């Protein structure tokens, strides 16, 4: 995956997470390594929503076996997962 595509993925996923899962008064510096699940930003229900967003946005199918909490625990982890599909 080239750097331009990676940066675009990073931007789009960070924007989605901020818009969908953070409140205006949350004092969280959301960066690619921010723990999403272990940090309490994304719960199991939200993870399903995030998975569906990614599948629809990038026209891919992420097998449930690969949609693990570890794979979704940071934007960097998500991008690493997406590299196998994009």
N, C-alpha and C. Protein backbone atom coordinates (compact mmCIF):
# COMPACT_ATOMS: atom_id res chain seq x y z
N UNK A 1 0.85 -1.17 0.00
CA UNK A 1 0.00 0.00 0.00
C UNK A 1 0.90 1.24 0.00
N UNK A 2 0.62 2.16 -0.91
CA UNK A 2 1.47 3.34 -0.95
C UNK A 2 1.09 4.34 0.15
N UNK A 3 1.99 5.26 0.42
CA UNK A 3 1.83 6.19 1.54
C UNK A 3 0.61 7.10 1.37
N UNK A 4 0.30 7.50 0.15
CA UNK A 4 -0.85 8.36 -0.09
C UNK A 4 -2.15 7.66 0.28
N UNK A 5 -2.27 6.41 -0.13
CA UNK A 5 -3.49 5.64 0.20
C UNK A 5 -3.56 5.43 1.71
N UNK A 6 -2.45 5.11 2.33
CA UNK A 6 -2.42 4.92 3.79
C UNK A 6 -2.85 6.18 4.51
N UNK A 7 -2.35 7.32 4.09
CA UNK A 7 -2.71 8.59 4.72
C UNK A 7 -4.20 8.89 4.54
N UNK A 8 -4.75 8.58 3.38
CA UNK A 8 -6.17 8.80 3.12
C UNK A 8 -7.02 7.89 4.01
N UNK A 9 -6.63 6.62 4.11
CA UNK A 9 -7.35 5.69 4.99
C UNK A 9 -7.31 6.19 6.43
N UNK A 10 -6.13 6.59 6.87
CA UNK A 10 -5.96 7.09 8.24
C UNK A 10 -6.88 8.27 8.50
N UNK A 11 -6.90 9.22 7.59
CA UNK A 11 -7.73 10.41 7.74
C UNK A 11 -9.21 10.05 7.80
N UNK A 12 -9.66 9.21 6.88
CA UNK A 12 -11.09 8.84 6.82
C UNK A 12 -11.53 8.07 8.06
N UNK A 13 -10.70 7.14 8.52
CA UNK A 13 -11.06 6.34 9.70
C UNK A 13 -11.04 7.20 10.95
N UNK A 14 -10.03 8.05 11.11
CA UNK A 14 -9.98 8.94 12.28
C UNK A 14 -11.20 9.87 12.31
N UNK A 15 -11.58 10.40 11.16
CA UNK A 15 -12.75 11.27 11.10
C UNK A 15 -14.02 10.52 11.48
N UNK A 16 -14.16 9.30 10.98
CA UNK A 16 -15.34 8.50 11.30
C UNK A 16 -15.42 8.20 12.79
N UNK A 17 -14.31 7.76 13.36
CA UNK A 17 -14.28 7.44 14.79
C UNK A 17 -14.61 8.69 15.62
N UNK A 18 -14.02 9.81 15.28
CA UNK A 18 -14.27 11.05 16.02
C UNK A 18 -15.75 11.44 15.92
N UNK A 19 -16.30 11.36 14.72
CA UNK A 19 -17.69 11.77 14.50
C UNK A 19 -18.68 10.83 15.18
N UNK A 20 -18.43 9.53 15.12
CA UNK A 20 -19.39 8.54 15.60
C UNK A 20 -19.25 8.19 17.08
N UNK A 21 -18.05 8.23 17.61
CA UNK A 21 -17.83 7.66 18.93
C UNK A 21 -17.32 8.63 20.00
N UNK A 22 -16.96 9.84 19.60
CA UNK A 22 -16.49 10.82 20.58
C UNK A 22 -17.53 11.91 20.78
N UNK A 23 -17.65 12.36 22.00
CA UNK A 23 -18.52 13.48 22.32
C UNK A 23 -17.71 14.77 22.18
N UNK A 24 -18.41 15.89 21.99
CA UNK A 24 -17.73 17.18 21.83
C UNK A 24 -16.85 17.52 23.03
N UNK A 25 -17.26 17.08 24.21
CA UNK A 25 -16.50 17.43 25.41
C UNK A 25 -15.46 16.39 25.80
N UNK A 26 -15.30 15.34 24.98
CA UNK A 26 -14.25 14.34 25.25
C UNK A 26 -12.89 14.99 25.05
N UNK A 27 -12.03 14.79 26.00
CA UNK A 27 -10.67 15.35 25.92
C UNK A 27 -9.70 14.25 25.50
N UNK A 28 -9.88 13.79 24.27
CA UNK A 28 -9.07 12.70 23.75
C UNK A 28 -8.34 13.18 22.51
N UNK A 29 -7.03 13.00 22.51
CA UNK A 29 -6.23 13.32 21.34
C UNK A 29 -6.20 12.08 20.46
N UNK A 30 -7.10 12.04 19.49
CA UNK A 30 -7.26 10.87 18.64
C UNK A 30 -6.16 10.85 17.57
N UNK A 31 -5.28 9.88 17.67
CA UNK A 31 -4.19 9.69 16.72
C UNK A 31 -4.22 8.23 16.26
N UNK A 32 -3.45 7.87 15.24
CA UNK A 32 -3.50 6.50 14.71
C UNK A 32 -3.21 5.40 15.73
N UNK A 33 -2.46 5.70 16.79
CA UNK A 33 -2.14 4.68 17.79
C UNK A 33 -3.05 4.72 19.02
N UNK A 34 -4.03 5.62 19.04
CA UNK A 34 -4.94 5.70 20.18
C UNK A 34 -5.66 4.37 20.36
N UNK A 35 -5.63 3.79 21.57
CA UNK A 35 -6.37 2.54 21.81
C UNK A 35 -7.87 2.80 21.73
N UNK A 36 -8.52 2.18 20.78
CA UNK A 36 -9.95 2.41 20.59
C UNK A 36 -10.80 1.52 21.48
N UNK A 37 -10.53 0.23 21.44
CA UNK A 37 -11.33 -0.71 22.23
C UNK A 37 -10.81 -0.77 23.66
N UNK A 38 -9.51 -1.02 23.82
CA UNK A 38 -8.96 -1.11 25.17
C UNK A 38 -8.99 0.24 25.87
N UNK A 39 -9.12 1.32 25.11
CA UNK A 39 -9.22 2.66 25.69
C UNK A 39 -10.65 3.09 25.98
N UNK A 40 -11.62 2.24 25.64
CA UNK A 40 -13.02 2.52 25.94
C UNK A 40 -13.73 3.44 24.96
N UNK A 41 -13.11 3.76 23.85
CA UNK A 41 -13.75 4.62 22.85
C UNK A 41 -14.76 3.82 22.03
N UNK A 42 -14.38 2.61 21.67
CA UNK A 42 -15.21 1.72 20.86
C UNK A 42 -15.54 0.48 21.68
N UNK A 43 -16.84 0.16 21.76
CA UNK A 43 -17.25 -1.07 22.44
C UNK A 43 -17.59 -2.12 21.38
N UNK A 44 -18.05 -3.27 21.81
CA UNK A 44 -18.29 -4.36 20.85
C UNK A 44 -19.38 -4.00 19.84
N UNK A 45 -20.41 -3.31 20.26
CA UNK A 45 -21.47 -2.89 19.34
C UNK A 45 -20.92 -1.88 18.34
N UNK A 46 -20.15 -0.93 18.84
CA UNK A 46 -19.55 0.09 17.98
C UNK A 46 -18.56 -0.52 17.00
N UNK A 47 -17.88 -1.57 17.42
CA UNK A 47 -16.93 -2.24 16.54
C UNK A 47 -17.65 -2.82 15.32
N UNK A 48 -18.84 -3.36 15.53
CA UNK A 48 -19.64 -3.89 14.42
C UNK A 48 -20.01 -2.76 13.47
N UNK A 49 -20.39 -1.62 14.02
CA UNK A 49 -20.72 -0.45 13.22
C UNK A 49 -19.50 0.02 12.42
N UNK A 50 -18.35 0.05 13.05
CA UNK A 50 -17.12 0.44 12.38
C UNK A 50 -16.77 -0.55 11.27
N UNK A 51 -16.94 -1.83 11.53
CA UNK A 51 -16.67 -2.86 10.52
C UNK A 51 -17.58 -2.65 9.31
N UNK A 52 -18.86 -2.40 9.56
CA UNK A 52 -19.81 -2.19 8.46
C UNK A 52 -19.46 -0.93 7.66
N UNK A 53 -19.03 0.13 8.37
CA UNK A 53 -18.59 1.35 7.69
C UNK A 53 -17.43 1.04 6.75
N UNK A 54 -16.43 0.33 7.24
CA UNK A 54 -15.26 0.01 6.43
C UNK A 54 -15.63 -0.84 5.22
N UNK A 55 -16.50 -1.83 5.44
CA UNK A 55 -16.90 -2.71 4.34
C UNK A 55 -17.65 -1.93 3.26
N UNK A 56 -18.53 -1.06 3.69
CA UNK A 56 -19.31 -0.27 2.73
C UNK A 56 -18.43 0.77 2.02
N UNK A 57 -17.64 1.49 2.79
CA UNK A 57 -16.80 2.56 2.25
C UNK A 57 -15.79 2.04 1.24
N UNK A 58 -15.16 0.91 1.56
CA UNK A 58 -14.08 0.39 0.71
C UNK A 58 -14.50 -0.81 -0.13
N UNK A 59 -15.79 -1.14 -0.09
CA UNK A 59 -16.35 -2.24 -0.90
C UNK A 59 -15.57 -3.53 -0.72
N UNK A 60 -15.45 -3.90 0.54
CA UNK A 60 -14.73 -5.13 0.89
C UNK A 60 -15.60 -5.95 1.84
N UNK A 61 -15.18 -7.14 2.14
CA UNK A 61 -15.83 -7.98 3.13
C UNK A 61 -14.76 -8.46 4.11
N UNK A 62 -14.94 -8.10 5.36
CA UNK A 62 -14.00 -8.51 6.39
C UNK A 62 -14.60 -9.72 7.11
N UNK A 63 -13.96 -10.87 7.00
CA UNK A 63 -14.50 -12.06 7.68
C UNK A 63 -14.56 -11.83 9.19
N UNK A 64 -15.62 -12.33 9.80
CA UNK A 64 -15.78 -12.16 11.25
C UNK A 64 -14.58 -12.67 12.03
N UNK A 65 -13.96 -13.74 11.55
CA UNK A 65 -12.79 -14.30 12.24
C UNK A 65 -11.63 -13.32 12.29
N UNK A 66 -11.57 -12.39 11.34
CA UNK A 66 -10.49 -11.40 11.31
C UNK A 66 -10.89 -10.09 11.98
N UNK A 67 -12.17 -9.93 12.27
CA UNK A 67 -12.66 -8.71 12.91
C UNK A 67 -12.58 -8.88 14.42
N UNK A 68 -11.36 -8.93 14.91
CA UNK A 68 -11.12 -9.15 16.33
C UNK A 68 -10.93 -7.81 17.06
N UNK A 69 -11.12 -7.80 18.37
CA UNK A 69 -10.84 -6.57 19.12
C UNK A 69 -9.42 -6.07 18.91
N UNK A 70 -8.47 -6.96 18.78
CA UNK A 70 -7.09 -6.55 18.55
C UNK A 70 -6.95 -5.86 17.20
N UNK A 71 -7.62 -6.39 16.18
CA UNK A 71 -7.53 -5.81 14.84
C UNK A 71 -8.17 -4.43 14.76
N UNK A 72 -9.10 -4.16 15.68
CA UNK A 72 -9.82 -2.88 15.67
C UNK A 72 -9.41 -1.97 16.82
N UNK A 73 -8.31 -2.27 17.49
CA UNK A 73 -7.95 -1.52 18.69
C UNK A 73 -7.25 -0.19 18.41
N UNK A 74 -6.85 0.04 17.18
CA UNK A 74 -6.28 1.34 16.81
C UNK A 74 -6.48 1.53 15.32
N UNK A 75 -6.38 2.76 14.87
CA UNK A 75 -6.49 3.03 13.44
C UNK A 75 -5.34 2.34 12.70
N UNK A 76 -4.16 2.34 13.28
CA UNK A 76 -3.04 1.63 12.63
C UNK A 76 -3.34 0.15 12.48
N UNK A 77 -3.93 -0.47 13.50
CA UNK A 77 -4.29 -1.89 13.40
C UNK A 77 -5.35 -2.11 12.31
N UNK A 78 -6.31 -1.20 12.24
CA UNK A 78 -7.36 -1.31 11.22
C UNK A 78 -6.75 -1.21 9.82
N UNK A 79 -5.85 -0.26 9.63
CA UNK A 79 -5.20 -0.11 8.33
C UNK A 79 -4.41 -1.36 7.99
N UNK A 80 -3.72 -1.91 8.96
CA UNK A 80 -2.98 -3.16 8.73
C UNK A 80 -3.94 -4.26 8.27
N UNK A 81 -5.10 -4.35 8.90
CA UNK A 81 -6.10 -5.33 8.50
C UNK A 81 -6.59 -5.04 7.07
N UNK A 82 -6.87 -3.78 6.77
CA UNK A 82 -7.38 -3.41 5.46
C UNK A 82 -6.38 -3.68 4.33
N UNK A 83 -5.10 -3.66 4.67
CA UNK A 83 -4.07 -3.89 3.64
C UNK A 83 -4.26 -5.24 2.95
N UNK A 84 -4.86 -6.19 3.63
CA UNK A 84 -5.07 -7.51 3.02
C UNK A 84 -6.26 -7.51 2.07
N UNK A 85 -7.08 -6.47 2.10
CA UNK A 85 -8.30 -6.43 1.30
C UNK A 85 -8.30 -5.36 0.21
N UNK A 86 -7.46 -4.35 0.38
CA UNK A 86 -7.48 -3.22 -0.57
C UNK A 86 -6.30 -3.33 -1.51
